[in-house]
Amino acid sequence: MTRDGSSPVGTEPSAPPPGPAVPPADTAAAPPATGGSFHEMWRELLPVGRHPGSGGYRRYAWTGADAECRDWFREQAEARGLAYEVDRNGNQWAWLGDPAAGDAVVTGSHLDSVPDGGAFDGPLGVVSSFAALDELRGRGARFARPLAIVNFGDEEGARFGLACVGSRLTAGRLTPDQAHRLTDGDGVTLPRAMAAAGYDPEAIGPDPERLARIGAFVELHVEQGRALDLSGDRVGVASAIWPHGRWRFDFRGEANHAGTTRLTDRRDPMLSYARTVLAARREAELAGAVATFGKIAVEPNGVNAIPSLVRGWLDSRAADQETLDTVVGAVEKAAREYATAHGIDLDVVRESFTPVVEFDHALRDELARILGKDTGLTVPVLGTGAGHDAGILAGRIPTAMLFVRNPTGVSHSPAEFAAEDDCVAGVRALADVLEGLACR
């Protein structure tokens, strides 16, 4: 793995053109790639769901932008002669070889975004997967195992408030009943949204037969942090996903007139909320963890009104469960003390939680071996505080992740970034890994 610098090109990375077509031969007998190069694919996908004001992306599940992304995925699959299908949970699959043969190697990521997110989180993994397949065909690779590329639906949870809905349903970590109760900010339920997009919400649920086909899942993702930039590496291998969760804090006070109510007569929940935000920062800093209040809802939400309700969502993550419990417990304790002092009622609800995910050690070590065999360099292995579909599936099938350098560390923002040659290095690394796992 090279460690030299890379030239920034904004959000338009490119990859080397695919090589000569592969003549048909057993599993490698799939038609040669006729899809576009990495650069062409990226250019086609780049404007989809991009907000003209913020420059960020609003690719929410089961919306028009999501449909455009899905159409793009299908077109890429069909252009390469891959067998295209959508599973019962709305996840898209593109298969090379017989899916029923089992022991398949699967790669991919997601195409949806957080509100005003960046271009790379998710799409880099999907585009790189198609480009890596093109690279392998250009090398004349002969596949001994089926290969699939997947786009998991609703990974970010931007619309319905729960991350990784598609992979959670598939792995049985979200029941159909739970999924049917999910609603967006406008009160639209997940079943209603799926039906409006032309999918059958009554079909969702665990998919053990599909998971049984898969021998390994490898997800490439832009790094959401600066570890690779600091180490000087372009590509790294994931070790684990930190335990993380989301907690809703409901501070209930008394609505009143902002101009006529004396300060001493107020039951203002905003004060307790504000202090809790500061407490979260303090406790996370002391523990070496992270804690963020990034979403808030206020009622009645008037400039001249004291709020009756301030609802804030805490996202907290740490390297181990004990540390996470300590941070969240301390934040809740502080919030209750502040609420009591101001005559505020407080409810705290844990809305989602994911325990620590250790990626399959054998698969992780094999990825590191494959990537280091030609250079003799040690490939960095790093943990992450970000959740991913690979983490959801890790309890059911062997999974691993590759990270591509992000020089700024910024993610979930229009400023999210990866340089052209780092993206190319990611494609080649993924191709090397897929070749090592799936080819003769």
Protein backbone atom coordinates (compact mmCIF):
# COMPACT_ATOMS: atom_id res chain seq x y z
CA MET A 1 0.00 0.00 0.00
CA THR A 2 1.58 3.27 -1.09
CA ARG A 3 1.92 6.12 1.37
CA ASP A 4 2.61 9.05 -0.92
CA GLY A 5 0.50 12.16 -1.15
CA SER A 6 -2.60 12.63 -3.28
CA SER A 7 -3.97 15.46 -5.36
CA PRO A 8 -7.37 16.89 -4.38
CA VAL A 9 -10.02 17.12 -7.07
CA GLY A 10 -13.16 17.99 -5.11
CA THR A 11 -15.95 15.49 -5.58
CA GLU A 12 -15.00 14.15 -9.00
CA PRO A 13 -12.65 11.16 -8.44
CA SER A 14 -11.75 9.00 -11.38
CA ALA A 15 -10.30 5.54 -11.89
CA PRO A 16 -8.20 3.95 -14.62
CA PRO A 17 -10.22 2.81 -17.62
CA PRO A 18 -11.28 -0.84 -17.59
CA GLY A 19 -8.98 -3.18 -19.46
CA PRO A 20 -9.77 -5.59 -22.29
CA ALA A 21 -12.86 -7.73 -22.19
CA VAL A 22 -12.66 -11.18 -20.59
CA PRO A 23 -13.61 -14.05 -22.90
CA PRO A 24 -16.39 -16.29 -21.55
CA ALA A 25 -15.15 -19.10 -19.29
CA ASP A 26 -17.12 -20.91 -16.55
CA THR A 27 -18.06 -18.50 -13.73
CA ALA A 28 -16.01 -15.78 -15.44
CA ALA A 29 -18.22 -16.29 -18.47
CA ALA A 30 -20.30 -13.25 -17.65
CA PRO A 31 -20.28 -10.65 -20.44
CA PRO A 32 -17.48 -8.09 -20.41
CA ALA A 33 -18.14 -4.80 -18.69
CA THR A 34 -19.93 -2.22 -20.78
CA GLY A 35 -20.65 0.18 -17.94
CA GLY A 36 -18.88 3.50 -17.60
CA SER A 37 -15.57 4.15 -15.90
CA PHE A 38 -15.44 5.24 -12.27
CA HIS A 39 -15.31 8.85 -13.40
CA GLU A 40 -18.36 8.46 -15.66
CA MET A 41 -20.37 6.64 -13.00
CA TRP A 42 -19.47 9.27 -10.40
CA ARG A 43 -20.45 12.10 -12.73
CA GLU A 44 -23.83 10.50 -13.44
CA LEU A 45 -24.62 9.98 -9.76
CA LEU A 46 -23.23 13.27 -8.47
CA PRO A 47 -26.27 15.55 -9.14
CA VAL A 48 -28.91 13.12 -7.86
CA GLY A 49 -30.58 14.49 -4.73
CA ARG A 50 -28.18 17.41 -4.41
CA HIS A 51 -29.75 20.49 -2.85
CA PRO A 52 -28.92 23.66 -4.81
CA GLY A 53 -28.82 25.81 -1.71
CA SER A 54 -26.72 23.75 0.68
CA GLY A 55 -24.73 21.76 -1.84
CA GLY A 56 -25.44 18.70 0.29
CA TYR A 57 -27.46 15.60 -0.50
CA ARG A 58 -31.02 14.75 0.48
CA ARG A 59 -31.33 11.19 -0.75
CA TYR A 60 -33.92 9.94 1.72
CA ALA A 61 -35.46 6.48 1.66
CA TRP A 62 -38.40 5.91 -0.68
CA THR A 63 -38.33 9.41 -2.20
CA GLY A 64 -37.81 10.61 -5.75
CA ALA A 65 -34.05 11.00 -5.20
CA ASP A 66 -33.88 7.48 -3.81
CA ALA A 67 -35.72 6.18 -6.88
CA GLU A 68 -33.19 7.89 -9.16
CA CYS A 69 -30.33 6.26 -7.24
CA ARG A 70 -32.04 2.88 -7.55
CA ASP A 71 -32.52 3.37 -11.28
CA TRP A 72 -28.83 4.20 -11.59
CA PHE A 73 -27.86 1.00 -9.74
CA ARG A 74 -30.09 -1.14 -11.94
CA GLU A 75 -28.67 0.45 -15.09
CA GLN A 76 -25.10 -0.23 -13.95
CA ALA A 77 -25.95 -3.87 -13.22
CA GLU A 78 -27.68 -4.41 -16.54
CA ALA A 79 -24.92 -2.65 -18.50
CA ARG A 80 -22.49 -5.25 -17.13
CA GLY A 81 -24.72 -8.24 -17.83
CA LEU A 82 -25.27 -8.88 -14.12
CA ALA A 83 -28.43 -10.54 -12.82
CA TYR A 84 -30.42 -7.79 -11.12
CA GLU A 85 -32.92 -8.34 -8.31
CA VAL A 86 -34.57 -6.52 -5.41
CA ASP A 87 -35.07 -8.50 -2.22
CA ARG A 88 -38.08 -8.47 0.08
CA ASN A 89 -36.65 -5.55 2.10
CA GLY A 90 -35.94 -3.29 -0.86
CA ASN A 91 -32.20 -3.94 -1.04
CA GLN A 92 -30.80 -4.11 -4.58
CA TRP A 93 -28.49 -6.90 -5.77
CA ALA A 94 -26.41 -7.41 -8.90
CA TRP A 95 -25.08 -10.96 -9.33
CA LEU A 96 -22.21 -12.43 -11.33
CA GLY A 97 -22.54 -16.21 -11.22
CA ASP A 98 -25.26 -18.36 -9.69
CA PRO A 99 -26.60 -16.87 -6.42
CA ALA A 100 -27.88 -20.30 -5.37
CA ALA A 101 -24.37 -21.76 -5.53
CA GLY A 102 -23.59 -20.32 -2.10
CA ASP A 103 -20.33 -19.09 -0.55
CA ALA A 104 -20.68 -15.85 -2.54
CA VAL A 105 -18.42 -12.85 -2.06
CA VAL A 106 -20.51 -9.69 -1.75
CA THR A 107 -19.43 -6.07 -1.80
CA GLY A 108 -21.30 -2.76 -1.86
CA SER A 109 -22.67 -0.14 0.49
CA HIS A 110 -25.60 2.32 0.29
CA LEU A 111 -26.74 5.29 -1.81
CA ASP A 112 -28.98 7.23 0.62
CA SER A 113 -27.73 10.18 2.67
CA VAL A 114 -28.12 12.08 5.90
CA PRO A 115 -29.74 15.53 5.60
CA ASP A 116 -27.36 17.67 3.52
CA GLY A 117 -24.74 14.93 3.61
CA GLY A 118 -21.66 14.56 1.47
CA ALA A 119 -21.10 12.80 -1.84
CA PHE A 120 -18.89 9.97 -0.58
CA ASP A 121 -20.61 8.37 2.41
CA GLY A 122 -22.15 5.26 0.87
CA PRO A 123 -21.91 6.03 -2.87
CA LEU A 124 -18.11 5.67 -2.88
CA GLY A 125 -18.53 2.03 -1.84
CA VAL A 126 -21.17 1.26 -4.47
CA VAL A 127 -19.38 3.00 -7.35
CA SER A 128 -16.07 1.41 -6.30
CA SER A 129 -17.72 -2.02 -6.34
CA PHE A 130 -18.76 -1.73 -9.98
CA ALA A 131 -15.36 -0.23 -10.86
CA ALA A 132 -13.53 -3.04 -9.04
CA LEU A 133 -15.49 -5.60 -11.05
CA ASP A 134 -14.48 -3.78 -14.23
CA GLU A 135 -10.87 -3.85 -13.02
CA LEU A 136 -11.01 -7.61 -12.42
CA ARG A 137 -12.49 -8.27 -15.82
CA GLY A 138 -9.73 -6.16 -17.30
CA ARG A 139 -7.19 -8.36 -15.53
CA GLY A 140 -8.81 -11.48 -17.00
CA ALA A 141 -9.79 -12.75 -13.56
CA ARG A 142 -11.54 -16.13 -13.39
CA PHE A 143 -14.16 -16.28 -10.66
CA ALA A 144 -14.41 -19.44 -8.57
CA ARG A 145 -17.22 -18.09 -6.37
CA PRO A 146 -20.33 -16.04 -7.15
CA LEU A 147 -19.86 -12.29 -6.76
CA ALA A 148 -22.56 -9.77 -5.91
CA ILE A 149 -22.81 -6.00 -5.52
CA VAL A 150 -25.46 -4.67 -3.13
CA ASN A 151 -27.12 -1.35 -2.38
CA PHE A 152 -28.67 -1.57 1.08
CA GLY A 153 -31.76 0.58 1.55
CA ASP A 154 -32.20 3.31 4.17
CA GLU A 155 -28.79 2.94 5.79
CA GLU A 156 -28.63 6.46 7.19
CA GLY A 157 -32.09 6.46 8.76
CA ALA A 158 -32.56 10.12 7.79
CA ARG A 159 -36.28 9.78 7.10
CA PHE A 160 -37.58 7.28 9.66
CA GLY A 161 -35.06 7.80 12.46
CA LEU A 162 -33.53 4.31 12.49
CA ALA A 163 -30.26 3.52 10.73
CA CYS A 164 -29.62 0.46 8.56
CA VAL A 165 -33.28 -0.49 8.10
CA GLY A 166 -32.63 -2.65 5.02
CA SER A 167 -29.82 -4.68 6.55
CA ARG A 168 -31.51 -4.84 9.97
CA LEU A 169 -34.63 -6.37 8.42
CA THR A 170 -32.56 -8.82 6.39
CA ALA A 171 -30.57 -9.95 9.44
CA GLY A 172 -33.66 -10.19 11.65
CA ARG A 173 -32.52 -7.37 13.89
CA LEU A 174 -35.64 -5.36 13.14
CA THR A 175 -39.01 -7.10 13.14
CA PRO A 176 -41.72 -6.35 10.57
CA ASP A 177 -43.95 -5.03 13.35
CA GLN A 178 -41.25 -2.65 14.52
CA ALA A 179 -40.60 -1.50 10.96
CA HIS A 180 -44.29 -0.90 10.32
CA ARG A 181 -44.40 1.47 13.28
CA LEU A 182 -41.65 3.71 11.91
CA THR A 183 -42.86 7.15 10.79
CA ASP A 184 -41.19 10.17 9.25
CA GLY A 185 -41.46 13.79 10.36
CA ASP A 186 -44.70 14.23 8.39
CA GLY A 187 -46.35 11.20 9.98
CA VAL A 188 -45.92 8.99 6.90
CA THR A 189 -45.33 5.38 7.91
CA LEU A 190 -42.63 3.21 6.38
CA PRO A 191 -45.24 0.85 4.82
CA ARG A 192 -47.04 3.78 3.23
CA ALA A 193 -43.77 5.19 1.84
CA MET A 194 -42.71 1.82 0.45
CA ALA A 195 -46.08 1.26 -1.17
CA ALA A 196 -46.01 4.72 -2.76
CA ALA A 197 -42.61 3.84 -4.25
CA GLY A 198 -44.00 0.63 -5.73
CA TYR A 199 -42.77 -1.90 -3.16
CA ASP A 200 -44.73 -4.37 -1.04
CA PRO A 201 -44.32 -3.51 2.66
CA GLU A 202 -46.08 -6.73 3.68
CA ALA A 203 -43.16 -8.75 2.33
CA ILE A 204 -40.46 -7.26 4.57
CA GLY A 205 -38.76 -9.41 7.17
CA PRO A 206 -35.80 -11.69 7.94
CA ASP A 207 -34.08 -13.21 4.91
CA PRO A 208 -31.99 -16.13 6.22
CA GLU A 209 -31.94 -17.93 2.86
CA ARG A 210 -30.28 -14.96 1.20
CA LEU A 211 -27.72 -14.58 3.98
CA ALA A 212 -26.94 -18.30 3.72
CA ARG A 213 -25.73 -17.70 0.16
CA ILE A 214 -23.01 -15.30 1.34
CA GLY A 215 -19.57 -16.45 2.41
CA ALA A 216 -18.11 -12.98 2.94
CA PHE A 217 -19.23 -9.36 2.76
CA VAL A 218 -16.67 -6.58 2.25
CA GLU A 219 -17.81 -2.94 2.40
CA LEU A 220 -15.61 -0.09 1.17
CA HIS A 221 -16.29 3.29 2.77
CA VAL A 222 -14.71 6.69 2.98
CA GLU A 223 -13.08 7.03 6.39
CA GLN A 224 -15.11 9.16 8.78
CA GLY A 225 -12.14 10.52 10.65
CA ARG A 226 -8.47 11.36 10.03
CA ALA A 227 -6.60 8.25 11.16
CA LEU A 228 -5.40 7.39 7.65
CA ASP A 229 -4.45 10.98 6.92
CA LEU A 230 -2.37 11.08 10.08
CA SER A 231 -0.67 7.76 9.29
CA GLY A 232 -0.08 8.64 5.63
CA ASP A 233 -1.97 5.62 4.28
CA ARG A 234 -4.50 5.68 1.47
CA VAL A 235 -6.44 2.57 2.48
CA GLY A 236 -7.01 0.81 5.79
CA VAL A 237 -8.87 -2.18 7.19
CA ALA A 238 -11.53 -1.90 9.90
CA SER A 239 -11.07 -3.70 13.21
CA ALA A 240 -14.35 -2.94 14.96
CA ILE A 241 -17.30 -0.56 15.23
CA TRP A 242 -17.66 1.17 18.56
CA PRO A 243 -20.85 0.57 20.55
CA HIS A 244 -23.24 3.42 19.92
CA GLY A 245 -26.82 4.51 20.38
CA ARG A 246 -29.38 7.29 20.24
CA TRP A 247 -31.28 8.61 23.24
CA ARG A 248 -34.22 11.04 23.20
CA PHE A 249 -34.41 13.59 26.02
CA ASP A 250 -37.85 15.18 26.49
CA PHE A 251 -37.76 18.29 28.70
CA ARG A 252 -41.31 19.43 29.54
CA GLY A 253 -41.96 22.84 31.05
CA GLU A 254 -44.66 25.48 30.70
CA ALA A 255 -45.34 27.60 27.64
CA ASN A 256 -45.65 31.29 28.40
CA HIS A 257 -45.12 34.77 27.00
CA ALA A 258 -41.46 35.63 26.44
CA GLY A 259 -42.04 39.33 27.04
CA THR A 260 -44.25 39.34 30.12
CA THR A 261 -43.15 36.37 32.23
CA ARG A 262 -40.60 37.16 34.92
CA LEU A 263 -37.47 35.03 34.83
CA THR A 264 -38.18 33.73 38.33
CA ASP A 265 -41.68 32.62 37.27
CA ARG A 266 -40.57 30.59 34.29
CA ARG A 267 -40.44 26.82 33.80
CA ASP A 268 -38.25 27.01 30.73
CA PRO A 269 -37.08 23.58 29.48
CA MET A 270 -34.55 25.19 27.16
CA LEU A 271 -32.30 26.03 30.11
CA SER A 272 -32.13 22.40 31.23
CA TYR A 273 -31.56 21.26 27.67
CA ALA A 274 -28.74 23.77 27.13
CA ARG A 275 -26.96 22.67 30.27
CA THR A 276 -27.35 19.03 29.26
CA VAL A 277 -25.67 19.74 25.92
CA LEU A 278 -22.69 21.18 27.76
CA ALA A 279 -22.68 18.22 30.16
CA ALA A 280 -22.56 15.79 27.24
CA ARG A 281 -19.48 17.51 25.85
CA ARG A 282 -17.80 17.52 29.27
CA GLU A 283 -18.50 13.85 30.04
CA ALA A 284 -17.42 12.65 26.60
CA GLU A 285 -14.18 14.61 26.83
CA LEU A 286 -13.38 13.16 30.25
CA ALA A 287 -14.01 9.59 29.02
CA GLY A 288 -12.31 9.80 25.63
CA ALA A 289 -15.65 9.16 23.92
CA VAL A 290 -17.99 11.24 21.75
CA ALA A 291 -21.45 12.60 22.54
CA THR A 292 -23.53 14.88 20.37
CA PHE A 293 -26.90 16.58 20.56
CA GLY A 294 -27.43 17.14 16.86
CA LYS A 295 -31.20 17.26 16.54
CA ILE A 296 -33.77 19.30 18.45
CA ALA A 297 -37.52 19.88 18.31
CA VAL A 298 -39.19 22.73 20.18
CA GLU A 299 -42.86 23.38 20.98
CA PRO A 300 -44.55 25.73 20.34
CA ASN A 301 -41.42 26.94 18.53
CA GLY A 302 -42.25 30.64 18.60
CA VAL A 303 -39.73 33.47 18.85
CA ASN A 304 -41.80 35.19 21.53
CA ALA A 305 -42.84 32.05 23.40
CA ILE A 306 -41.20 30.19 26.26
CA PRO A 307 -41.15 26.52 25.14
CA SER A 308 -43.41 23.92 26.67
CA LEU A 309 -41.28 21.09 25.28
CA VAL A 310 -37.69 20.79 24.18
CA ARG A 311 -36.86 17.41 22.69
CA GLY A 312 -33.22 16.67 21.96
CA TRP A 313 -31.55 13.56 20.58
CA LEU A 314 -28.22 12.40 22.00
CA ASP A 315 -25.86 10.33 19.87
CA SER A 316 -23.03 8.81 21.89
CA ARG A 317 -20.24 6.37 21.00
CA ALA A 318 -17.21 4.94 22.76
CA ALA A 319 -14.53 2.33 22.25
CA ASP A 320 -16.12 -0.06 24.77
CA GLN A 321 -19.47 -0.65 26.44
CA GLU A 322 -18.40 0.35 29.93
CA THR A 323 -17.20 3.75 28.78
CA LEU A 324 -20.37 4.36 26.78
CA ASP A 325 -22.56 3.44 29.75
CA THR A 326 -20.55 5.78 31.95
CA VAL A 327 -20.93 8.72 29.57
CA VAL A 328 -24.65 8.30 28.90
CA GLY A 329 -25.35 7.66 32.59
CA ALA A 330 -23.51 10.84 33.59
CA VAL A 331 -25.34 12.89 30.95
CA GLU A 332 -28.72 11.62 32.11
CA LYS A 333 -27.83 12.25 35.77
CA ALA A 334 -26.84 15.84 34.97
CA ALA A 335 -29.99 16.36 32.90
CA ARG A 336 -32.21 15.20 35.77
CA GLU A 337 -30.44 17.48 38.21
CA TYR A 338 -30.88 20.48 35.91
CA ALA A 339 -34.52 19.59 35.24
CA THR A 340 -35.31 19.31 38.94
CA ALA A 341 -33.65 22.65 39.65
CA HIS A 342 -35.85 24.38 37.05
CA GLY A 343 -39.13 22.58 37.75
CA ILE A 344 -38.93 20.61 34.50
CA ASP A 345 -40.23 17.09 33.85
CA LEU A 346 -37.79 14.82 32.00
CA ASP A 347 -38.22 11.57 30.11
CA VAL A 348 -35.24 9.75 28.57
CA VAL A 349 -35.87 7.07 25.96
CA ARG A 350 -33.24 4.91 24.27
CA GLU A 351 -34.40 4.81 20.67
CA SER A 352 -31.67 2.62 19.20
CA PHE A 353 -28.52 0.84 20.28
CA THR A 354 -25.79 -1.20 18.63
CA PRO A 355 -23.24 -3.06 20.77
CA VAL A 356 -19.56 -3.26 19.83
CA VAL A 357 -19.01 -5.08 16.54
CA GLU A 358 -15.78 -6.99 16.09
CA PHE A 359 -15.29 -7.75 12.41
CA ASP A 360 -14.44 -11.34 11.54
CA HIS A 361 -10.80 -11.66 12.55
CA ALA A 362 -9.90 -14.27 9.95
CA LEU A 363 -11.44 -12.22 7.13
CA ARG A 364 -9.90 -9.01 8.45
CA ASP A 365 -6.46 -10.63 8.58
CA GLU A 366 -6.91 -12.06 5.09
CA LEU A 367 -7.69 -8.58 3.73
CA ALA A 368 -4.56 -7.20 5.37
CA ARG A 369 -2.51 -10.07 3.94
CA ILE A 370 -3.87 -9.56 0.41
CA LEU A 371 -3.27 -5.82 0.46
CA GLY A 372 0.23 -6.11 1.86
CA LYS A 373 1.56 -9.08 -0.10
CA ASP A 374 2.98 -7.12 -3.05
CA THR A 375 4.40 -4.20 -1.09
CA GLY A 376 5.43 -5.76 2.19
CA LEU A 377 3.86 -2.81 3.99
CA THR A 378 1.66 -3.22 7.02
CA VAL A 379 -1.89 -2.15 6.26
CA PRO A 380 -3.33 -0.03 9.10
CA VAL A 381 -6.15 -1.62 11.07
CA LEU A 382 -8.41 0.90 12.79
CA GLY A 383 -11.65 1.10 14.70
CA THR A 384 -14.51 3.44 13.90
CA GLY A 385 -17.32 5.13 15.72
CA ALA A 386 -19.60 5.09 12.67
CA GLY A 387 -22.25 2.43 12.13
CA HIS A 388 -22.48 0.53 8.85
CA ASP A 389 -24.46 -2.24 7.19
CA ALA A 390 -21.37 -4.43 7.52
CA GLY A 391 -21.68 -4.07 11.28
CA ILE A 392 -25.33 -5.10 11.23
CA LEU A 393 -24.55 -8.23 9.19
CA ALA A 394 -21.48 -9.15 11.23
CA GLY A 395 -23.51 -11.26 13.64
CA ARG A 396 -24.80 -13.44 10.81
CA ILE A 397 -22.02 -13.67 8.21
CA PRO A 398 -18.27 -12.90 8.03
CA THR A 399 -17.88 -9.20 7.26
CA ALA A 400 -15.00 -6.77 6.81
CA MET A 401 -14.48 -3.15 5.78
CA LEU A 402 -11.98 -1.11 3.82
CA PHE A 403 -11.56 2.60 4.50
CA VAL A 404 -10.37 5.20 1.98
CA ARG A 405 -8.45 8.21 3.27
CA ASN A 406 -10.40 11.37 4.06
CA PRO A 407 -7.83 14.18 4.49
CA THR A 408 -10.18 16.49 6.38
CA GLY A 409 -11.97 13.87 8.46
CA VAL A 410 -15.24 15.67 7.71
CA SER A 411 -18.28 13.47 7.09
CA HIS A 412 -22.07 13.87 7.02
CA SER A 413 -21.44 17.27 5.46
CA PRO A 414 -21.10 18.74 1.96
CA ALA A 415 -17.41 19.20 2.83
CA GLU A 416 -16.90 15.43 2.93
CA PHE A 417 -13.95 14.66 0.69
CA ALA A 418 -11.61 12.09 -0.81
CA ALA A 419 -8.89 12.79 -3.38
CA GLU A 420 -8.86 11.27 -6.86
CA ASP A 421 -5.80 9.07 -6.41
CA ASP A 422 -7.05 7.85 -3.02
CA CYS A 423 -10.32 6.81 -4.64
CA VAL A 424 -8.35 5.01 -7.37
CA ALA A 425 -6.28 3.29 -4.68
CA GLY A 426 -9.52 2.22 -3.01
CA VAL A 427 -10.85 0.69 -6.24
CA ARG A 428 -7.63 -1.21 -6.78
CA ALA A 429 -7.54 -2.38 -3.17
CA LEU A 430 -11.11 -3.63 -3.40
CA ALA A 431 -10.33 -5.37 -6.69
CA ASP A 432 -7.30 -7.05 -5.07
CA VAL A 433 -9.45 -8.19 -2.15
CA LEU A 434 -12.23 -9.54 -4.37
CA GLU A 435 -9.67 -11.30 -6.54
CA GLY A 436 -8.06 -12.88 -3.48
CA LEU A 437 -11.42 -14.03 -2.10
CA ALA A 438 -13.43 -14.96 -5.19
CA CYS A 439 -11.02 -15.84 -7.99
CA ARG A 440 -8.74 -18.73 -8.83
